[in-house]
Amino acid sequence: MKDAIISSVRDILVLQGDGDYAAAKKRLMKRIVKTLFTADLDRLKTANIPVDIVFEQGKDVMGLK
């Protein structure tokens, strides 16, 4: 466990030091997006359930001129 933590911290520090946003994002997404999460998102997409909130504003939306 100790070696894994040291390795992980080393990788993070190198990414921060290099300022490599793309590599940092790739590393983060590998950890966060798990199979179950991806499956849940796929089910929402199949059911046509939006996952983002979209605010429609303006006079036209409200029926005003």
PDB file of N, CA and C in Angstrom:
ATOM      1  N   MET A   1       0.832  -1.188   0.000  1.00  0.00           N
ATOM      2  CA  MET A   1       0.000   0.000   0.000  1.00  0.00           C
ATOM      3  C   MET A   1       0.878   1.253   0.000  1.00  0.00           C
ATOM      4  N   LYS A   2       1.913   1.223   0.818  1.00  0.00           N
ATOM      5  CA  LYS A   2       2.804   2.382   0.914  1.00  0.00           C
ATOM      6  C   LYS A   2       3.430   2.694  -0.441  1.00  0.00           C
ATOM      7  N   ASP A   3       3.897   1.657  -1.129  1.00  0.00           N
ATOM      8  CA  ASP A   3       4.526   1.862  -2.440  1.00  0.00           C
ATOM      9  C   ASP A   3       3.525   2.409  -3.459  1.00  0.00           C
ATOM     10  N   ALA A   4       2.282   1.940  -3.397  1.00  0.00           N
ATOM     11  CA  ALA A   4       1.252   2.418  -4.325  1.00  0.00           C
ATOM     12  C   ALA A   4       0.959   3.891  -4.089  1.00  0.00           C
ATOM     13  N   ILE A   5       0.886   4.291  -2.822  1.00  0.00           N
ATOM     14  CA  ILE A   5       0.618   5.692  -2.490  1.00  0.00           C
ATOM     15  C   ILE A   5       1.773   6.576  -2.943  1.00  0.00           C
ATOM     16  N   ILE A   6       2.982   6.132  -2.681  1.00  0.00           N
ATOM     17  CA  ILE A   6       4.164   6.911  -3.088  1.00  0.00           C
ATOM     18  C   ILE A   6       4.188   7.075  -4.604  1.00  0.00           C
ATOM     19  N   SER A   7       3.899   5.997  -5.327  1.00  0.00           N
ATOM     20  CA  SER A   7       3.892   6.045  -6.785  1.00  0.00           C
ATOM     21  C   SER A   7       2.811   6.996  -7.297  1.00  0.00           C
ATOM     22  N   SER A   8       1.635   6.910  -6.697  1.00  0.00           N
ATOM     23  CA  SER A   8       0.530   7.770  -7.106  1.00  0.00           C
ATOM     24  C   SER A   8       0.841   9.239  -6.845  1.00  0.00           C
ATOM     25  N   VAL A   9       1.360   9.534  -5.677  1.00  0.00           N
ATOM     26  CA  VAL A   9       1.716  10.918  -5.334  1.00  0.00           C
ATOM     27  C   VAL A   9       2.803  11.433  -6.269  1.00  0.00           C
ATOM     28  N   ARG A  10       3.775  10.593  -6.577  1.00  0.00           N
ATOM     29  CA  ARG A  10       4.851  10.981  -7.497  1.00  0.00           C
ATOM     30  C   ARG A  10       4.270  11.351  -8.862  1.00  0.00           C
ATOM     31  N   ASP A  11       3.362  10.510  -9.371  1.00  0.00           N
ATOM     32  CA  ASP A  11       2.740  10.782 -10.670  1.00  0.00           C
ATOM     33  C   ASP A  11       1.978  12.107 -10.657  1.00  0.00           C
ATOM     34  N   ILE A  12       1.222  12.347  -9.595  1.00  0.00           N
ATOM     35  CA  ILE A  12       0.446  13.577  -9.485  1.00  0.00           C
ATOM     36  C   ILE A  12       1.359  14.793  -9.434  1.00  0.00           C
ATOM     37  N   LEU A  13       2.429  14.711  -8.664  1.00  0.00           N
ATOM     38  CA  LEU A  13       3.363  15.833  -8.562  1.00  0.00           C
ATOM     39  C   LEU A  13       4.044  16.135  -9.893  1.00  0.00           C
ATOM     40  N   VAL A  14       4.379  15.082 -10.640  1.00  0.00           N
ATOM     41  CA  VAL A  14       4.994  15.282 -11.952  1.00  0.00           C
ATOM     42  C   VAL A  14       4.002  15.957 -12.899  1.00  0.00           C
ATOM     43  N   LEU A  15       2.738  15.498 -12.873  1.00  0.00           N
ATOM     44  CA  LEU A  15       1.719  16.125 -13.721  1.00  0.00           C
ATOM     45  C   LEU A  15       1.534  17.589 -13.363  1.00  0.00           C
ATOM     46  N   GLN A  16       1.502  17.882 -12.071  1.00  0.00           N
ATOM     47  CA  GLN A  16       1.364  19.275 -11.637  1.00  0.00           C
ATOM     48  C   GLN A  16       2.573  20.100 -12.059  1.00  0.00           C
ATOM     49  N   GLY A  17       3.744  19.543 -11.850  1.00  0.00           N
ATOM     50  CA  GLY A  17       4.976  20.260 -12.197  1.00  0.00           C
ATOM     51  C   GLY A  17       5.099  20.535 -13.676  1.00  0.00           C
ATOM     52  N   ASP A  18       4.687  19.556 -14.488  1.00  0.00           N
ATOM     53  CA  ASP A  18       4.748  19.717 -15.939  1.00  0.00           C
ATOM     54  C   ASP A  18       3.615  20.582 -16.476  1.00  0.00           C
ATOM     55  N   GLY A  19       2.558  20.727 -15.680  1.00  0.00           N
ATOM     56  CA  GLY A  19       1.403  21.480 -16.143  1.00  0.00           C
ATOM     57  C   GLY A  19       0.687  20.789 -17.293  1.00  0.00           C
ATOM     58  N   ASP A  20       0.742  19.459 -17.290  1.00  0.00           N
ATOM     59  CA  ASP A  20       0.163  18.664 -18.374  1.00  0.00           C
ATOM     60  C   ASP A  20      -1.320  18.403 -18.085  1.00  0.00           C
ATOM     61  N   TYR A  21      -2.173  19.337 -18.498  1.00  0.00           N
ATOM     62  CA  TYR A  21      -3.602  19.251 -18.220  1.00  0.00           C
ATOM     63  C   TYR A  21      -4.222  18.010 -18.857  1.00  0.00           C
ATOM     64  N   ALA A  22      -3.850  17.718 -20.095  1.00  0.00           N
ATOM     65  CA  ALA A  22      -4.447  16.580 -20.805  1.00  0.00           C
ATOM     66  C   ALA A  22      -4.141  15.268 -20.092  1.00  0.00           C
ATOM     67  N   ALA A  23      -2.897  15.087 -19.667  1.00  0.00           N
ATOM     68  CA  ALA A  23      -2.528  13.857 -18.963  1.00  0.00           C
ATOM     69  C   ALA A  23      -3.203  13.781 -17.597  1.00  0.00           C
ATOM     70  N   ALA A  24      -3.326  14.922 -16.930  1.00  0.00           N
ATOM     71  CA  ALA A  24      -3.987  14.950 -15.624  1.00  0.00           C
ATOM     72  C   ALA A  24      -5.460  14.585 -15.769  1.00  0.00           C
ATOM     73  N   LYS A  25      -6.108  15.117 -16.790  1.00  0.00           N
ATOM     74  CA  LYS A  25      -7.520  14.815 -17.022  1.00  0.00           C
ATOM     75  C   LYS A  25      -7.699  13.338 -17.354  1.00  0.00           C
ATOM     76  N   LYS A  26      -6.814  12.795 -18.165  1.00  0.00           N
ATOM     77  CA  LYS A  26      -6.889  11.381 -18.533  1.00  0.00           C
ATOM     78  C   LYS A  26      -6.742  10.500 -17.294  1.00  0.00           C
ATOM     79  N   ARG A  27      -5.815  10.848 -16.430  1.00  0.00           N
ATOM     80  CA  ARG A  27      -5.592  10.077 -15.201  1.00  0.00           C
ATOM     81  C   ARG A  27      -6.820  10.156 -14.297  1.00  0.00           C
ATOM     82  N   LEU A  28      -7.372  11.335 -14.174  1.00  0.00           N
ATOM     83  CA  LEU A  28      -8.542  11.528 -13.324  1.00  0.00           C
ATOM     84  C   LEU A  28      -9.734  10.733 -13.848  1.00  0.00           C
ATOM     85  N   MET A  29      -9.955  10.786 -15.144  1.00  0.00           N
ATOM     86  CA  MET A  29     -11.104  10.087 -15.720  1.00  0.00           C
ATOM     87  C   MET A  29     -10.982   8.576 -15.569  1.00  0.00           C
ATOM     88  N   LYS A  30      -9.781   8.057 -15.605  1.00  0.00           N
ATOM     89  CA  LYS A  30      -9.594   6.620 -15.396  1.00  0.00           C
ATOM     90  C   LYS A  30     -10.056   6.214 -14.006  1.00  0.00           C
ATOM     91  N   ARG A  31      -9.835   7.082 -13.045  1.00  0.00           N
ATOM     92  CA  ARG A  31     -10.197   6.769 -11.661  1.00  0.00           C
ATOM     93  C   ARG A  31     -11.682   6.973 -11.402  1.00  0.00           C
ATOM     94  N   ILE A  32     -12.261   7.995 -11.999  1.00  0.00           N
ATOM     95  CA  ILE A  32     -13.628   8.384 -11.668  1.00  0.00           C
ATOM     96  C   ILE A  32     -14.675   7.594 -12.445  1.00  0.00           C
ATOM     97  N   VAL A  33     -14.479   7.495 -13.739  1.00  0.00           N
ATOM     98  CA  VAL A  33     -15.494   6.857 -14.570  1.00  0.00           C
ATOM     99  C   VAL A  33     -15.324   5.343 -14.483  1.00  0.00           C
ATOM    100  N   LYS A  34     -16.162   4.733 -13.710  1.00  0.00           N
ATOM    101  CA  LYS A  34     -16.133   3.285 -13.532  1.00  0.00           C
ATOM    102  C   LYS A  34     -17.175   2.644 -14.442  1.00  0.00           C
ATOM    103  N   THR A  35     -17.106   1.353 -14.565  1.00  0.00           N
ATOM    104  CA  THR A  35     -18.025   0.619 -15.422  1.00  0.00           C
ATOM    105  C   THR A  35     -19.481   0.855 -15.036  1.00  0.00           C
ATOM    106  N   LEU A  36     -19.791   0.837 -13.745  1.00  0.00           N
ATOM    107  CA  LEU A  36     -21.175   1.035 -13.318  1.00  0.00           C
ATOM    108  C   LEU A  36     -21.669   2.427 -13.653  1.00  0.00           C
ATOM    109  N   PHE A  37     -20.808   3.412 -13.466  1.00  0.00           N
ATOM    110  CA  PHE A  37     -21.187   4.790 -13.773  1.00  0.00           C
ATOM    111  C   PHE A  37     -21.467   4.936 -15.261  1.00  0.00           C
ATOM    112  N   THR A  38     -20.603   4.359 -16.073  1.00  0.00           N
ATOM    113  CA  THR A  38     -20.780   4.415 -17.515  1.00  0.00           C
ATOM    114  C   THR A  38     -22.074   3.720 -17.915  1.00  0.00           C
ATOM    115  N   ALA A  39     -22.354   2.575 -17.290  1.00  0.00           N
ATOM    116  CA  ALA A  39     -23.597   1.849 -17.585  1.00  0.00           C
ATOM    117  C   ALA A  39     -24.814   2.688 -17.199  1.00  0.00           C
ATOM    118  N   ASP A  40     -24.744   3.378 -16.068  1.00  0.00           N
ATOM    119  CA  ASP A  40     -25.850   4.247 -15.648  1.00  0.00           C
ATOM    120  C   ASP A  40     -26.075   5.370 -16.645  1.00  0.00           C
ATOM    121  N   LEU A  41     -24.996   5.987 -17.106  1.00  0.00           N
ATOM    122  CA  LEU A  41     -25.124   7.055 -18.098  1.00  0.00           C
ATOM    123  C   LEU A  41     -25.723   6.535 -19.400  1.00  0.00           C
ATOM    124  N   ASP A  42     -25.327   5.329 -19.788  1.00  0.00           N
ATOM    125  CA  ASP A  42     -25.876   4.727 -21.005  1.00  0.00           C
ATOM    126  C   ASP A  42     -27.378   4.475 -20.865  1.00  0.00           C
ATOM    127  N   ARG A  43     -27.806   4.018 -19.691  1.00  0.00           N
ATOM    128  CA  ARG A  43     -29.241   3.783 -19.464  1.00  0.00           C
ATOM    129  C   ARG A  43     -30.018   5.098 -19.527  1.00  0.00           C
ATOM    130  N   LEU A  44     -29.460   6.155 -18.969  1.00  0.00           N
ATOM    131  CA  LEU A  44     -30.124   7.459 -19.031  1.00  0.00           C
ATOM    132  C   LEU A  44     -30.243   7.931 -20.479  1.00  0.00           C
ATOM    133  N   LYS A  45     -29.178   7.739 -21.235  1.00  0.00           N
ATOM    134  CA  LYS A  45     -29.186   8.155 -22.638  1.00  0.00           C
ATOM    135  C   LYS A  45     -30.224   7.360 -23.430  1.00  0.00           C
ATOM    136  N   THR A  46     -30.283   6.061 -23.197  1.00  0.00           N
ATOM    137  CA  THR A  46     -31.247   5.204 -23.883  1.00  0.00           C
ATOM    138  C   THR A  46     -32.680   5.626 -23.559  1.00  0.00           C
ATOM    139  N   ALA A  47     -32.919   6.041 -22.318  1.00  0.00           N
ATOM    140  CA  ALA A  47     -34.250   6.458 -21.889  1.00  0.00           C
ATOM    141  C   ALA A  47     -34.542   7.922 -22.231  1.00  0.00           C
ATOM    142  N   ASN A  48     -33.606   8.563 -22.940  1.00  0.00           N
ATOM    143  CA  ASN A  48     -33.742   9.982 -23.311  1.00  0.00           C
ATOM    144  C   ASN A  48     -33.936  10.891 -22.099  1.00  0.00           C
ATOM    145  N   ILE A  49     -33.239  10.591 -21.025  1.00  0.00           N
ATOM    146  CA  ILE A  49     -33.274  11.415 -19.821  1.00  0.00           C
ATOM    147  C   ILE A  49     -32.045  12.313 -19.840  1.00  0.00           C
ATOM    148  N   PRO A  50     -32.226  13.629 -19.847  1.00  0.00           N
ATOM    149  CA  PRO A  50     -31.068  14.529 -19.907  1.00  0.00           C
ATOM    150  C   PRO A  50     -30.245  14.468 -18.627  1.00  0.00           C
ATOM    151  N   VAL A  51     -28.947  14.558 -18.790  1.00  0.00           N
ATOM    152  CA  VAL A  51     -28.050  14.550 -17.634  1.00  0.00           C
ATOM    153  C   VAL A  51     -27.521  15.945 -17.332  1.00  0.00           C
ATOM    154  N   ASP A  52     -27.774  16.876 -18.223  1.00  0.00           N
ATOM    155  CA  ASP A  52     -27.363  18.256 -18.020  1.00  0.00           C
ATOM    156  C   ASP A  52     -28.604  19.132 -17.946  1.00  0.00           C
ATOM    157  N   ILE A  53     -28.521  20.146 -17.145  1.00  0.00           N
ATOM    158  CA  ILE A  53     -29.619  21.106 -17.048  1.00  0.00           C
ATOM    159  C   ILE A  53     -29.377  22.204 -18.072  1.00  0.00           C
ATOM    160  N   VAL A  54     -30.378  22.460 -18.887  1.00  0.00           N
ATOM    161  CA  VAL A  54     -30.288  23.510 -19.900  1.00  0.00           C
ATOM    162  C   VAL A  54     -31.386  24.518 -19.602  1.00  0.00           C
ATOM    163  N   PHE A  55     -30.993  25.722 -19.322  1.00  0.00           N
ATOM    164  CA  PHE A  55     -31.953  26.783 -19.041  1.00  0.00           C
ATOM    165  C   PHE A  55     -32.258  27.523 -20.337  1.00  0.00           C
ATOM    166  N   GLU A  56     -33.527  27.551 -20.683  1.00  0.00           N
ATOM    167  CA  GLU A  56     -33.963  28.319 -21.837  1.00  0.00           C
ATOM    168  C   GLU A  56     -34.593  29.590 -21.304  1.00  0.00           C
ATOM    169  N   GLN A  57     -34.024  30.711 -21.703  1.00  0.00           N
ATOM    170  CA  GLN A  57     -34.473  31.985 -21.182  1.00  0.00           C
ATOM    171  C   GLN A  57     -34.804  32.942 -22.316  1.00  0.00           C
ATOM    172  N   GLY A  58     -35.492  33.971 -21.988  1.00  0.00           N
ATOM    173  CA  GLY A  58     -35.759  35.015 -22.949  1.00  0.00           C
ATOM    174  C   GLY A  58     -37.236  35.227 -23.159  1.00  0.00           C
ATOM    175  N   LYS A  59     -37.539  36.320 -23.818  1.00  0.00           N
ATOM    176  CA  LYS A  59     -38.930  36.688 -24.071  1.00  0.00           C
ATOM    177  C   LYS A  59     -39.638  35.656 -24.944  1.00  0.00           C
ATOM    178  N   ASP A  60     -38.934  35.112 -25.932  1.00  0.00           N
ATOM    179  CA  ASP A  60     -39.558  34.134 -26.827  1.00  0.00           C
ATOM    180  C   ASP A  60     -39.989  32.887 -26.057  1.00  0.00           C
ATOM    181  N   VAL A  61     -39.196  32.442 -25.140  1.00  0.00           N
ATOM    182  CA  VAL A  61     -39.496  31.254 -24.353  1.00  0.00           C
ATOM    183  C   VAL A  61     -40.716  31.492 -23.490  1.00  0.00           C
ATOM    184  N   MET A  62     -40.843  32.693 -22.974  1.00  0.00           N
ATOM    185  CA  MET A  62     -41.954  33.036 -22.090  1.00  0.00           C
ATOM    186  C   MET A  62     -43.202  33.464 -22.846  1.00  0.00           C
ATOM    187  N   GLY A  63     -43.118  33.562 -24.160  1.00  0.00           N
ATOM    188  CA  GLY A  63     -44.250  33.971 -24.958  1.00  0.00           C
ATOM    189  C   GLY A  63     -44.468  35.478 -24.964  1.00  0.00           C
ATOM    190  N   LEU A  64     -43.433  36.224 -24.632  1.00  0.00           N
ATOM    191  CA  LEU A  64     -43.528  37.686 -24.613  1.00  0.00           C
ATOM    192  C   LEU A  64     -42.901  38.254 -25.882  1.00  0.00           C
ATOM    193  N   LYS A  65     -43.317  39.450 -26.215  1.00  0.00           N
ATOM    194  CA  LYS A  65     -42.733  40.101 -27.406  1.00  0.00           C
ATOM    195  C   LYS A  65     -41.825  41.219 -27.007  1.00  0.00           C
TER     196      LYS A  65
END
